[in-house]
Protein backbone atom coordinates (compact mmCIF):
# COMPACT_ATOMS: atom_id res chain seq x y z
CA MET A 1 12.25 -28.47 36.94
CA THR A 2 11.26 -24.84 35.70
CA THR A 3 10.23 -24.04 31.25
CA VAL A 4 10.90 -20.85 30.56
CA GLU A 5 9.03 -19.82 27.89
CA THR A 6 10.49 -17.16 25.31
CA SER A 7 8.53 -15.36 23.11
CA PRO A 8 9.87 -15.74 18.83
CA PRO A 9 12.65 -13.26 17.53
CA PHE A 10 11.15 -10.27 15.34
CA TRP A 11 10.27 -10.34 11.22
CA ASP A 12 13.83 -8.43 10.41
CA PRO A 13 13.33 -6.76 7.06
CA GLU A 14 17.48 -6.56 6.85
CA HIS A 15 17.67 -10.53 6.53
CA ASP A 16 14.31 -12.01 6.51
CA GLU A 17 13.14 -12.03 3.11
CA VAL A 18 10.89 -15.27 2.34
CA LEU A 19 7.59 -15.75 3.55
CA VAL A 20 5.09 -19.22 3.66
CA CYS A 21 1.95 -19.05 2.75
CA ARG A 22 -0.42 -20.62 5.56
CA ALA A 23 -4.15 -19.96 4.24
CA VAL A 24 -5.84 -18.68 1.23
CA ARG A 25 -9.43 -17.26 2.35
CA ARG A 26 -12.07 -16.46 -0.13
CA GLN A 27 -13.70 -12.65 0.54
CA THR A 28 -15.29 -12.23 -2.95
CA HIS A 29 -15.90 -14.04 -6.07
CA ASP A 30 -12.79 -12.12 -7.07
CA VAL A 31 -10.98 -11.37 -3.71
CA ALA A 32 -8.93 -13.80 -1.51
CA THR A 33 -6.85 -12.98 1.81
CA PHE A 34 -3.41 -14.58 2.06
CA ILE A 35 -1.99 -15.46 5.74
CA LEU A 36 1.70 -15.66 5.13
CA THR A 37 4.23 -16.32 8.46
CA ALA A 38 8.11 -16.94 8.46
CA PRO A 39 9.62 -20.29 7.61
CA ALA A 40 10.75 -20.37 11.22
CA PRO A 41 8.81 -18.78 13.70
CA ARG A 42 8.27 -14.86 14.08
CA ARG A 43 6.71 -12.19 15.44
CA PHE A 44 5.97 -9.06 12.88
CA ARG A 45 5.73 -5.16 14.25
CA TYR A 46 4.87 -2.91 11.80
CA ARG A 47 2.27 0.58 11.84
CA PRO A 48 -1.68 -0.47 11.03
CA GLY A 49 -2.17 0.74 7.29
CA GLN A 50 1.60 -0.51 6.39
CA PHE A 51 2.50 -2.93 3.18
CA MET A 52 4.99 -4.92 2.41
CA THR A 53 6.13 -5.31 -1.78
CA PHE A 54 6.43 -9.33 -2.76
CA THR A 55 8.95 -10.85 -5.99
CA VAL A 56 7.31 -13.25 -7.80
CA MET A 57 8.61 -14.58 -10.98
CA ILE A 58 5.83 -15.14 -13.82
CA ALA A 59 7.16 -16.73 -17.45
CA GLY A 60 11.03 -15.97 -16.49
CA VAL A 61 9.60 -12.50 -15.65
CA THR A 62 10.01 -10.91 -12.24
CA TYR A 63 7.41 -8.60 -11.07
CA HIS A 64 7.56 -6.43 -7.21
CA ARG A 65 4.00 -5.83 -6.06
CA CYS A 66 3.38 -3.74 -3.15
CA TYR A 67 -0.04 -5.04 -1.08
CA THR A 68 -0.88 -3.51 1.94
CA LEU A 69 -1.27 -6.06 4.97
CA SER A 70 -5.29 -6.17 5.98
CA SER A 71 -3.60 -8.03 8.96
CA SER A 72 -3.91 -6.13 12.64
CA PRO A 73 -0.46 -5.71 14.42
CA SER A 74 -1.96 -6.65 17.31
CA ARG A 75 -1.56 -10.19 16.29
CA PRO A 76 2.06 -10.31 15.69
CA ASP A 77 2.52 -14.39 14.61
CA ALA A 78 1.34 -13.93 10.85
CA VAL A 79 0.10 -11.11 8.81
CA ALA A 80 -1.71 -10.94 5.92
CA ILE A 81 -2.42 -9.46 2.17
CA THR A 82 -6.34 -9.24 0.78
CA VAL A 83 -5.90 -8.53 -3.19
CA LYS A 84 -8.31 -8.44 -5.68
CA ARG A 85 -8.06 -10.05 -9.06
CA VAL A 86 -7.31 -8.06 -11.80
CA ALA A 87 -8.43 -8.52 -16.07
CA GLY A 88 -4.61 -8.79 -16.85
CA GLY A 89 -2.64 -8.55 -14.00
CA PRO A 90 0.16 -10.98 -14.15
CA VAL A 91 0.78 -11.07 -10.46
CA SER A 92 -3.01 -10.15 -8.86
CA ASN A 93 -4.10 -13.61 -11.10
CA TRP A 94 -0.43 -15.55 -10.24
CA LEU A 95 -1.88 -15.34 -6.48
CA HIS A 96 -5.37 -16.38 -7.02
CA ASP A 97 -4.21 -19.45 -9.41
CA HIS A 98 -1.32 -20.72 -8.06
CA LEU A 99 -0.27 -19.66 -3.83
CA ARG A 100 -1.22 -22.22 -1.84
CA PRO A 101 -0.22 -23.12 1.75
CA GLY A 102 3.09 -24.17 2.20
CA MET A 103 4.88 -22.10 -0.95
CA GLU A 104 6.99 -19.55 -0.35
CA ILE A 105 6.86 -15.91 -1.90
CA ALA A 106 10.03 -13.27 -1.56
CA ALA A 107 8.88 -10.00 0.54
CA LEU A 108 9.96 -6.94 1.85
CA GLY A 109 8.96 -4.37 4.68
CA PRO A 110 6.57 -3.83 5.85
CA ALA A 111 6.81 -0.01 5.28
CA GLY A 112 4.61 3.05 4.62
CA ASP A 113 3.80 6.07 5.97
CA PHE A 114 -0.06 5.97 5.64
CA VAL A 115 -0.57 4.95 8.78
CA LEU A 116 -2.87 4.98 12.32
CA ASP A 117 -1.24 5.58 15.13
CA VAL A 118 -3.57 5.20 18.23
CA PRO A 119 -3.26 8.16 20.55
CA PRO A 120 -2.50 6.88 24.23
CA ASP A 121 -5.56 6.30 27.24
CA GLY A 122 -7.54 9.77 28.19
CA ALA A 123 -6.67 11.37 24.44
CA ALA A 124 -9.47 12.23 22.93
CA GLU A 125 -9.40 11.51 18.62
CA ARG A 126 -12.16 10.40 16.30
CA TYR A 127 -11.62 9.13 13.09
CA VAL A 128 -13.53 8.54 9.91
CA PHE A 129 -12.14 5.81 7.15
CA LEU A 130 -13.52 5.97 3.90
CA SER A 131 -12.70 3.29 1.30
CA ALA A 132 -14.08 1.60 -1.72
CA GLY A 133 -13.70 -1.68 -3.43
CA SER A 134 -10.03 -3.32 -2.49
CA GLY A 135 -8.98 0.11 -0.86
CA ILE A 136 -10.08 -1.46 2.18
CA THR A 137 -7.75 -3.38 3.15
CA PRO A 138 -5.14 -0.57 5.14
CA VAL A 139 -8.13 0.40 7.10
CA MET A 140 -9.23 -2.97 7.96
CA SER A 141 -6.04 -3.23 9.39
CA MET A 142 -6.38 0.04 11.31
CA ALA A 143 -10.26 -1.02 12.34
CA ARG A 144 -8.97 -4.51 13.43
CA HIS A 145 -5.90 -2.61 15.26
CA MET A 146 -8.71 -0.59 17.30
CA VAL A 147 -11.22 -3.42 18.28
CA ASP A 148 -8.24 -5.34 19.71
CA THR A 149 -6.45 -2.57 21.51
CA ARG A 150 -8.78 0.40 22.23
CA PHE A 151 -12.62 -0.86 22.62
CA ASP A 152 -13.44 3.06 23.27
CA VAL A 153 -12.34 4.87 20.62
CA ASP A 154 -15.15 6.31 18.33
CA ALA A 155 -14.31 5.08 14.25
CA VAL A 156 -17.22 5.72 11.95
CA PHE A 157 -16.59 3.45 9.23
CA LEU A 158 -18.15 3.74 5.38
CA HIS A 159 -17.01 1.19 2.97
CA SER A 160 -18.15 1.53 -0.74
CA ALA A 161 -18.99 -1.40 -3.18
CA ARG A 162 -20.36 -1.92 -6.54
CA SER A 163 -22.89 -4.39 -5.47
CA PRO A 164 -23.37 -6.57 -2.20
CA ASN A 165 -21.74 -9.35 -3.79
CA ASP A 166 -18.40 -7.20 -3.67
CA LEU A 167 -18.44 -6.10 0.10
CA ILE A 168 -15.12 -7.60 1.07
CA PHE A 169 -15.24 -8.45 4.56
CA GLU A 170 -18.88 -7.63 5.71
CA ARG A 171 -19.50 -10.01 7.83
CA GLU A 172 -15.91 -9.55 9.75
CA LEU A 173 -17.03 -5.92 10.29
CA ALA A 174 -20.81 -6.14 11.54
CA TRP A 175 -19.31 -8.42 14.08
CA MET A 176 -16.82 -5.79 15.10
CA GLU A 177 -19.09 -3.43 15.24
CA SER A 178 -21.25 -5.86 17.51
CA GLN A 179 -18.03 -5.83 19.67
CA ALA A 180 -17.17 -2.49 20.10
CA PRO A 181 -19.58 0.45 20.36
CA SER A 182 -17.79 2.93 19.38
CA LEU A 183 -17.62 1.92 16.14
CA ARG A 184 -19.98 2.32 13.56
CA VAL A 185 -19.78 0.20 10.39
CA ARG A 186 -21.91 1.80 6.72
CA MET A 187 -22.16 -0.13 3.91
CA ILE A 188 -22.50 1.78 0.54
CA CYS A 189 -23.86 -0.55 -2.76
CA GLU A 190 -23.93 0.83 -6.12
CA HIS A 191 -26.38 -1.51 -7.00
CA ASP A 192 -28.43 -4.48 -6.49
CA THR A 193 -27.72 -8.07 -7.90
CA PRO A 194 -30.13 -10.74 -9.03
CA TRP A 195 -29.93 -13.07 -5.94
CA ARG A 196 -29.54 -10.27 -3.56
CA ARG A 197 -31.00 -6.56 -2.52
CA TRP A 198 -28.95 -4.34 -0.72
CA PRO A 199 -31.18 -2.85 2.37
CA GLY A 200 -29.07 -0.14 2.95
CA ALA A 201 -27.34 2.71 1.27
CA MET A 202 -27.18 3.27 -2.49
CA GLY A 203 -25.42 4.70 -5.08
CA ARG A 204 -22.19 6.58 -5.02
CA ILE A 205 -20.67 8.71 -1.70
CA ASP A 206 -21.62 12.15 -1.68
CA ALA A 207 -22.25 15.39 0.70
CA GLY A 208 -25.86 14.14 1.88
CA LEU A 209 -24.64 10.78 2.51
CA LEU A 210 -21.93 11.94 4.18
CA MET A 211 -23.40 14.28 6.58
CA ARG A 212 -26.08 12.09 7.34
CA GLU A 213 -23.46 9.52 8.21
CA VAL A 214 -20.84 11.52 9.86
CA PRO A 215 -22.75 14.88 11.15
CA ASP A 216 -19.59 15.57 13.15
CA LEU A 217 -17.01 15.07 10.06
CA LEU A 218 -15.15 18.22 10.62
CA THR A 219 -13.97 17.33 14.04
CA ARG A 220 -12.82 13.92 13.09
CA ARG A 221 -9.59 12.34 11.51
CA TRP A 222 -9.96 11.25 7.80
CA PHE A 223 -8.66 7.56 6.70
CA VAL A 224 -9.28 7.40 2.78
CA CYS A 225 -8.60 4.61 0.63
CA GLY A 226 -9.57 3.50 -2.91
CA PRO A 227 -9.49 4.27 -6.69
CA GLU A 228 -8.32 7.76 -8.18
CA GLY A 229 -11.58 8.65 -8.57
CA TYR A 230 -12.93 7.58 -5.37
CA ARG A 231 -10.41 9.81 -2.88
CA GLN A 232 -10.59 12.77 -5.88
CA ALA A 233 -14.41 12.67 -5.22
CA VAL A 234 -13.71 12.52 -1.43
CA ARG A 235 -11.16 15.13 -1.29
CA ALA A 236 -13.28 17.58 -2.79
CA LEU A 237 -16.27 16.57 -0.49
CA ALA A 238 -13.54 17.26 2.77
CA THR A 239 -12.30 20.24 1.21
CA GLN A 240 -15.94 21.86 0.26
CA ALA A 241 -16.93 20.36 4.12
CA GLY A 242 -14.40 23.06 5.23
CA LEU A 243 -12.01 20.59 6.94
CA ASP A 244 -9.13 21.07 7.99
CA MET A 245 -6.99 19.35 5.26
CA GLU A 246 -3.96 18.52 7.90
CA ARG A 247 -6.75 15.81 9.11
CA PHE A 248 -7.32 14.32 5.61
CA HIS A 249 -4.58 11.10 5.19
CA GLU A 250 -5.03 9.16 1.79
CA GLU A 251 -3.42 6.46 -0.12
CA SER A 252 -3.71 4.46 -3.09
CA PHE A 253 -3.98 0.93 -3.43
CA ASP A 254 -2.23 1.07 -6.95
CA PHE A 255 0.97 0.21 -7.90
CA GLY A 256 0.43 -0.71 -11.52
CA GLU A 257 3.13 -0.19 -14.09
CA LEU A 258 3.80 2.81 -15.01
CA VAL A 259 2.43 3.28 -18.26
CA PRO A 260 5.44 4.49 -21.16
CA ARG A 261 4.58 7.84 -22.58
CA GLU A 262 6.39 11.02 -23.66
CA ALA A 263 7.66 13.27 -20.63
CA ASP A 264 4.93 16.30 -19.35
CA ASP A 265 6.58 19.77 -19.64
CA SER A 266 7.34 20.06 -15.42
CA GLU A 267 9.76 16.38 -16.42
CA GLN A 268 11.59 17.93 -19.51
CA ASP A 269 12.10 21.39 -17.44
CA ALA A 270 13.11 19.27 -14.32
CA VAL A 271 15.77 17.26 -16.99
CA SER A 272 16.92 21.07 -18.23
CA GLY A 273 17.71 22.97 -14.18
CA GLY A 274 20.55 22.33 -11.81
CA VAL A 275 23.66 20.91 -12.11
CA ARG A 276 23.93 18.34 -14.91
CA TYR A 277 25.53 15.26 -14.53
CA ALA A 278 26.57 12.42 -17.19
CA VAL A 279 24.27 8.69 -16.48
CA SER A 280 25.34 5.41 -18.18
CA PHE A 281 23.33 2.63 -18.45
CA THR A 282 25.94 -0.30 -19.03
CA ARG A 283 23.40 -3.34 -21.00
CA SER A 284 21.04 -0.78 -22.54
CA ARG A 285 24.32 1.52 -23.55
CA ARG A 286 22.47 4.03 -23.47
CA GLU A 287 24.02 8.22 -21.74
CA ILE A 288 21.80 10.72 -20.65
CA ALA A 289 21.55 13.49 -18.70
CA CYS A 290 20.27 14.21 -15.07
CA ALA A 291 20.24 17.57 -12.97
CA ASP A 292 21.19 17.25 -9.62
CA ASP A 293 17.45 17.79 -8.14
CA THR A 294 15.76 14.98 -10.61
CA PRO A 295 15.15 11.27 -9.69
CA VAL A 296 17.56 9.11 -12.64
CA LEU A 297 13.89 7.78 -13.35
CA THR A 298 12.52 11.09 -14.70
CA ALA A 299 15.41 12.13 -16.44
CA ALA A 300 15.71 8.59 -18.45
CA ARG A 301 12.18 8.94 -18.94
CA ALA A 302 12.52 12.10 -20.42
CA ALA A 303 15.40 10.74 -22.70
CA GLY A 304 13.20 8.11 -24.23
CA MET A 305 14.06 4.74 -22.21
CA ARG A 306 11.56 2.69 -21.14
CA LEU A 307 12.71 1.25 -17.28
CA PRO A 308 10.94 -0.97 -15.18
CA ALA A 309 9.12 1.23 -12.48
CA SER A 310 5.80 1.10 -10.53
CA CYS A 311 5.14 3.21 -7.38
CA ALA A 312 7.95 5.85 -8.03
CA ARG A 313 8.09 6.55 -4.79
CA GLY A 314 11.04 4.83 -3.26
CA MET A 315 8.43 1.90 -1.79
CA CYS A 316 8.05 -0.90 -4.25
CA GLY A 317 12.16 -1.86 -5.51
CA THR A 318 10.93 -2.65 -8.87
CA CYS A 319 13.51 -0.10 -10.34
CA LYS A 320 16.57 -1.15 -7.87
CA CYS A 321 19.45 -1.36 -9.51
CA ARG A 322 23.15 -1.76 -9.16
CA LEU A 323 25.39 1.98 -8.85
CA VAL A 324 28.79 1.15 -10.68
CA SER A 325 30.17 4.26 -10.07
CA GLY A 326 29.43 7.51 -9.00
CA THR A 327 27.73 8.93 -5.89
CA VAL A 328 23.28 10.01 -5.20
CA GLU A 329 21.44 11.52 -2.97
CA MET A 330 18.65 8.79 -2.58
CA LYS A 331 15.48 9.37 0.30
CA HIS A 332 13.49 6.06 -0.15
CA ASP A 333 10.19 4.63 1.62
CA GLY A 334 10.74 1.15 2.36
CA GLY A 335 11.90 -0.48 -0.81
CA ILE A 336 15.26 -1.28 -0.57
CA ARG A 337 17.19 -2.82 2.33
CA GLN A 338 20.38 -1.18 4.07
CA ARG A 339 22.39 -4.03 2.87
CA GLU A 340 21.76 -3.60 -0.18
CA ILE A 341 22.59 0.17 -0.76
CA ASP A 342 26.06 -1.03 1.00
CA GLN A 343 26.15 -3.41 -1.51
CA GLY A 344 25.83 -0.59 -4.29
CA MET A 345 22.02 -1.21 -4.63
CA ILE A 346 19.75 2.18 -5.65
CA LEU A 347 16.64 2.83 -6.64
CA ILE A 348 16.69 4.71 -9.60
CA CYS A 349 13.06 6.30 -8.96
CA CYS A 350 14.11 8.57 -5.81
CA ALA A 351 17.89 8.77 -6.55
CA ARG A 352 19.26 11.94 -7.80
CA PRO A 353 22.90 12.42 -8.74
CA THR A 354 25.75 14.35 -6.89
CA SER A 355 28.02 13.53 -9.72
CA ASP A 356 28.46 11.45 -13.36
CA LEU A 357 26.97 8.07 -12.88
CA VAL A 358 27.50 4.45 -14.04
CA ILE A 359 24.56 1.91 -13.61
CA GLU A 360 23.85 -1.42 -14.54
CA ARG A 361 20.74 -1.76 -16.54
């Protein structure tokens, strides 16, 4: 009798909603990797660099957070997120303190367009990955995928950290470099620690260091992720060097809560432009005006409303609301399932009115 082995089905973002923590691996004193699978065997399809949105309830409050997958799609049986503990951050601290093997967590995705598509065999493309802090996660996914599938791809990986104690994936990257001759890894630390002197490059990335490590930088495709200040600095270096910015790709890893503030002039102008519609919020009993070329969230903020939102890009799902009546035009980036749209849900950060609206919020 012949036994035919079949592969598990794929994770379906439209219907699968829960992941199970299988392992927790400490990377540094304040960074941990969480290995996650579906409750029943599933394989995961995604592109290196994509993220998932996680939903947790803490002290009766629901939070949504986007975390980039640090795992590689070439290893499809599980996904992994690598999370830094943030002072005062409710979700990162909850993950570090409470998420343990066997526990479930709600998840949506994968999604996102900060991705690496490795060219077919024979195509000549070269890369430079630049990351700082926990911004390493998407480019680590890219590097892992490269090493798993294309040993001949030419890539330079430059990662910046405050100190040797803050280097994420240090040992694994050293191993990957030893296994893939076409991958060069360089770590940069701002300073030593009393317990460990750093023998490599010190300080912050600058034009001199970049040219020494990547003399052919103008011929490479750049993938950059890290804090805003870091990305601004690297973007300026690329511009000054004369890089064709079509070869420059960047992503923020921080989808923190929007800080309530006064609407800026561009928001005020947007609200006053185009055809205006009335938008009524049932729970807050507010009615605002919103132009047809303006996201509802932008108009609500301009009117002084405080609504939960994180990415403001249609990615995380934090601003999801039920549309009671009316119609909208909505272009999102993975923060809502099609079946939720069919049930009348919208993301107000990327929904523009095409009629008067009534929203349950």
